[in-house]
Amino acid sequence: MPYFLSNACTYKEVFNPEHVYIFTGKCVISKQEVTVKVRGEDLYDYNHGAFIQDAFPYLSADEREFMMTGMFEFPDFEE
């Protein structure tokens, strides 16, 4: 099961101004919170067999990786 559909993430469904789902969960490596927003019709397509990169082309590769595995590449901030 993809990470974002597991119990590890919560979601909020919003209908206005457009139908979107906002998924929030913690990166399994860094434990930092990650939020990803997808359109409702795209989530439908994904749940009916579309490849993740085809269903959500507007998401970054890191966001799609988080959705699949729970891992997210955070930029390193060195001071």
N, C-alpha and C. Protein backbone atom coordinates (compact mmCIF):
# COMPACT_ATOMS: atom_id res chain seq x y z
N MET A 1 0.84 -1.18 0.00
CA MET A 1 0.00 0.00 0.00
C MET A 1 0.89 1.24 0.00
N PRO A 2 0.57 2.21 -0.83
CA PRO A 2 1.35 3.46 -0.83
C PRO A 2 1.28 4.14 0.53
N TYR A 3 2.38 4.76 0.91
CA TYR A 3 2.49 5.39 2.22
C TYR A 3 1.37 6.39 2.48
N PHE A 4 1.04 7.22 1.49
CA PHE A 4 0.06 8.28 1.73
C PHE A 4 -1.34 7.74 1.96
N LEU A 5 -1.60 6.51 1.55
CA LEU A 5 -2.91 5.90 1.79
C LEU A 5 -2.94 5.04 3.05
N SER A 6 -1.80 4.94 3.73
CA SER A 6 -1.73 4.16 4.96
C SER A 6 -2.18 5.01 6.14
N ASN A 7 -2.22 4.40 7.29
CA ASN A 7 -2.59 5.14 8.51
C ASN A 7 -1.50 6.10 8.97
N ALA A 8 -0.35 6.12 8.29
CA ALA A 8 0.75 7.01 8.66
C ALA A 8 0.47 8.45 8.26
N CYS A 9 -0.46 8.65 7.35
CA CYS A 9 -0.80 10.01 6.89
C CYS A 9 -2.25 10.32 7.21
N THR A 10 -2.50 11.59 7.43
CA THR A 10 -3.87 12.07 7.55
C THR A 10 -4.19 12.86 6.29
N TYR A 11 -5.46 13.08 6.06
CA TYR A 11 -5.82 13.89 4.90
C TYR A 11 -7.02 14.76 5.21
N LYS A 12 -7.11 15.81 4.43
CA LYS A 12 -8.23 16.72 4.51
C LYS A 12 -8.77 16.86 3.10
N GLU A 13 -10.08 16.74 2.95
CA GLU A 13 -10.71 16.91 1.64
C GLU A 13 -11.33 18.30 1.58
N VAL A 14 -11.00 19.04 0.55
CA VAL A 14 -11.47 20.41 0.38
C VAL A 14 -12.23 20.48 -0.95
N PHE A 15 -13.38 21.16 -0.96
CA PHE A 15 -14.19 21.22 -2.17
C PHE A 15 -14.15 22.58 -2.87
N ASN A 16 -13.79 23.63 -2.15
CA ASN A 16 -13.77 24.96 -2.76
C ASN A 16 -12.42 25.61 -2.57
N PRO A 17 -11.82 26.23 -3.53
CA PRO A 17 -12.37 26.54 -4.85
C PRO A 17 -12.29 25.37 -5.82
N GLU A 18 -11.54 24.31 -5.50
CA GLU A 18 -11.52 23.10 -6.31
C GLU A 18 -11.46 21.90 -5.38
N HIS A 19 -11.80 20.73 -5.92
CA HIS A 19 -11.79 19.51 -5.12
C HIS A 19 -10.36 18.99 -5.02
N VAL A 20 -9.79 19.06 -3.82
CA VAL A 20 -8.42 18.59 -3.58
C VAL A 20 -8.36 17.79 -2.29
N TYR A 21 -7.32 16.98 -2.22
CA TYR A 21 -7.00 16.26 -0.99
C TYR A 21 -5.63 16.75 -0.54
N ILE A 22 -5.51 17.01 0.75
CA ILE A 22 -4.26 17.46 1.33
C ILE A 22 -3.79 16.38 2.30
N PHE A 23 -2.71 15.69 1.93
CA PHE A 23 -2.15 14.61 2.74
C PHE A 23 -0.99 15.14 3.57
N THR A 24 -0.95 14.75 4.83
CA THR A 24 0.12 15.17 5.73
C THR A 24 0.64 13.97 6.49
N GLY A 25 1.96 13.87 6.55
CA GLY A 25 2.59 12.78 7.29
C GLY A 25 4.02 13.14 7.59
N LYS A 26 4.69 12.28 8.32
CA LYS A 26 6.09 12.52 8.67
C LYS A 26 6.99 11.68 7.78
N CYS A 27 8.07 12.28 7.35
CA CYS A 27 9.10 11.55 6.61
C CYS A 27 9.61 10.42 7.51
N VAL A 28 9.72 9.23 6.96
CA VAL A 28 10.15 8.09 7.78
C VAL A 28 11.61 8.18 8.18
N ILE A 29 12.40 9.00 7.50
CA ILE A 29 13.81 9.16 7.82
C ILE A 29 14.03 10.33 8.79
N SER A 30 13.60 11.52 8.39
CA SER A 30 13.90 12.73 9.17
C SER A 30 12.85 13.04 10.24
N LYS A 31 11.67 12.45 10.11
CA LYS A 31 10.52 12.70 11.00
C LYS A 31 9.96 14.11 10.83
N GLN A 32 10.39 14.83 9.80
CA GLN A 32 9.83 16.16 9.52
C GLN A 32 8.49 15.98 8.81
N GLU A 33 7.58 16.93 9.05
CA GLU A 33 6.25 16.86 8.46
C GLU A 33 6.29 17.25 6.99
N VAL A 34 5.55 16.49 6.18
CA VAL A 34 5.45 16.74 4.74
C VAL A 34 3.96 16.85 4.41
N THR A 35 3.61 17.83 3.57
CA THR A 35 2.25 18.01 3.11
C THR A 35 2.24 18.01 1.59
N VAL A 36 1.32 17.23 1.02
CA VAL A 36 1.19 17.13 -0.43
C VAL A 36 -0.28 17.33 -0.78
N LYS A 37 -0.54 18.20 -1.78
CA LYS A 37 -1.91 18.48 -2.21
C LYS A 37 -2.11 17.95 -3.62
N VAL A 38 -3.18 17.16 -3.80
CA VAL A 38 -3.49 16.60 -5.12
C VAL A 38 -4.95 16.87 -5.47
N ARG A 39 -5.23 16.95 -6.76
CA ARG A 39 -6.60 17.16 -7.23
C ARG A 39 -7.39 15.88 -7.09
N GLY A 40 -8.66 16.02 -6.76
CA GLY A 40 -9.53 14.87 -6.55
C GLY A 40 -9.61 13.95 -7.75
N GLU A 41 -9.74 14.52 -8.95
CA GLU A 41 -9.86 13.68 -10.15
C GLU A 41 -8.56 12.93 -10.44
N ASP A 42 -7.43 13.52 -10.06
CA ASP A 42 -6.15 12.84 -10.25
C ASP A 42 -5.98 11.68 -9.27
N LEU A 43 -6.46 11.87 -8.05
CA LEU A 43 -6.42 10.78 -7.07
C LEU A 43 -7.30 9.63 -7.54
N TYR A 44 -8.44 9.96 -8.11
CA TYR A 44 -9.33 8.93 -8.68
C TYR A 44 -8.58 8.14 -9.75
N ASP A 45 -7.92 8.85 -10.67
CA ASP A 45 -7.17 8.18 -11.74
C ASP A 45 -6.08 7.27 -11.16
N TYR A 46 -5.36 7.77 -10.15
CA TYR A 46 -4.31 6.97 -9.52
C TYR A 46 -4.88 5.70 -8.88
N ASN A 47 -5.99 5.87 -8.18
CA ASN A 47 -6.62 4.72 -7.52
C ASN A 47 -7.20 3.72 -8.50
N HIS A 48 -7.34 4.13 -9.76
CA HIS A 48 -7.86 3.24 -10.79
C HIS A 48 -6.78 2.83 -11.79
N GLY A 49 -5.50 2.87 -11.36
CA GLY A 49 -4.43 2.26 -12.12
C GLY A 49 -3.45 3.17 -12.82
N ALA A 50 -3.67 4.48 -12.81
CA ALA A 50 -2.69 5.37 -13.45
C ALA A 50 -1.38 5.34 -12.68
N PHE A 51 -0.28 5.43 -13.42
CA PHE A 51 1.02 5.53 -12.76
C PHE A 51 1.10 6.86 -12.02
N ILE A 52 1.82 6.88 -10.91
CA ILE A 52 1.87 8.07 -10.06
C ILE A 52 2.39 9.29 -10.82
N GLN A 53 3.38 9.09 -11.70
CA GLN A 53 3.93 10.23 -12.44
C GLN A 53 2.96 10.74 -13.49
N ASP A 54 2.05 9.89 -13.95
CA ASP A 54 1.03 10.31 -14.91
C ASP A 54 -0.16 10.96 -14.21
N ALA A 55 -0.52 10.44 -13.04
CA ALA A 55 -1.66 10.98 -12.30
C ALA A 55 -1.35 12.34 -11.68
N PHE A 56 -0.09 12.52 -11.23
CA PHE A 56 0.29 13.75 -10.53
C PHE A 56 1.53 14.39 -11.16
N PRO A 57 1.48 14.78 -12.42
CA PRO A 57 2.67 15.33 -13.07
C PRO A 57 3.12 16.67 -12.49
N TYR A 58 2.25 17.34 -11.77
CA TYR A 58 2.55 18.65 -11.18
C TYR A 58 3.29 18.53 -9.86
N LEU A 59 3.42 17.32 -9.31
CA LEU A 59 4.18 17.12 -8.08
C LEU A 59 5.64 16.89 -8.42
N SER A 60 6.50 17.27 -7.49
CA SER A 60 7.93 17.00 -7.69
C SER A 60 8.20 15.51 -7.50
N ALA A 61 9.35 15.06 -7.98
CA ALA A 61 9.74 13.67 -7.78
C ALA A 61 9.82 13.35 -6.29
N ASP A 62 10.28 14.30 -5.49
CA ASP A 62 10.37 14.09 -4.04
C ASP A 62 8.98 13.92 -3.42
N GLU A 63 8.02 14.71 -3.87
CA GLU A 63 6.66 14.59 -3.34
C GLU A 63 6.04 13.25 -3.73
N ARG A 64 6.28 12.81 -4.95
CA ARG A 64 5.75 11.50 -5.37
C ARG A 64 6.43 10.37 -4.60
N GLU A 65 7.75 10.51 -4.34
CA GLU A 65 8.46 9.50 -3.56
C GLU A 65 7.88 9.42 -2.14
N PHE A 66 7.59 10.58 -1.55
CA PHE A 66 6.98 10.59 -0.23
C PHE A 66 5.64 9.86 -0.26
N MET A 67 4.84 10.11 -1.28
CA MET A 67 3.54 9.46 -1.37
C MET A 67 3.67 7.94 -1.45
N MET A 68 4.69 7.48 -2.15
CA MET A 68 4.86 6.03 -2.32
C MET A 68 5.51 5.36 -1.12
N THR A 69 6.58 5.98 -0.57
CA THR A 69 7.42 5.29 0.42
C THR A 69 7.51 5.97 1.78
N GLY A 70 7.09 7.23 1.86
CA GLY A 70 7.23 7.96 3.12
C GLY A 70 8.57 8.66 3.26
N MET A 71 9.42 8.57 2.24
CA MET A 71 10.72 9.23 2.29
C MET A 71 10.67 10.52 1.48
N PHE A 72 11.26 11.58 2.05
CA PHE A 72 11.27 12.89 1.40
C PHE A 72 12.65 13.49 1.54
N GLU A 73 13.17 14.00 0.46
CA GLU A 73 14.50 14.61 0.43
C GLU A 73 14.39 16.07 0.82
N PHE A 74 14.78 16.39 2.04
CA PHE A 74 14.80 17.79 2.49
C PHE A 74 16.14 18.40 2.13
N PRO A 75 16.14 19.65 1.69
CA PRO A 75 17.43 20.29 1.41
C PRO A 75 18.24 20.43 2.70
N ASP A 76 19.53 20.29 2.58
CA ASP A 76 20.41 20.46 3.73
C ASP A 76 20.62 21.96 3.98
N PHE A 77 20.43 22.35 5.20
CA PHE A 77 20.64 23.75 5.57
C PHE A 77 21.84 23.79 6.51
N GLU A 78 22.97 24.22 5.99
CA GLU A 78 24.17 24.32 6.81
C GLU A 78 24.43 25.78 7.11
N GLU A 79 24.77 26.03 8.33
CA GLU A 79 25.05 27.42 8.73
C GLU A 79 26.53 27.63 8.91
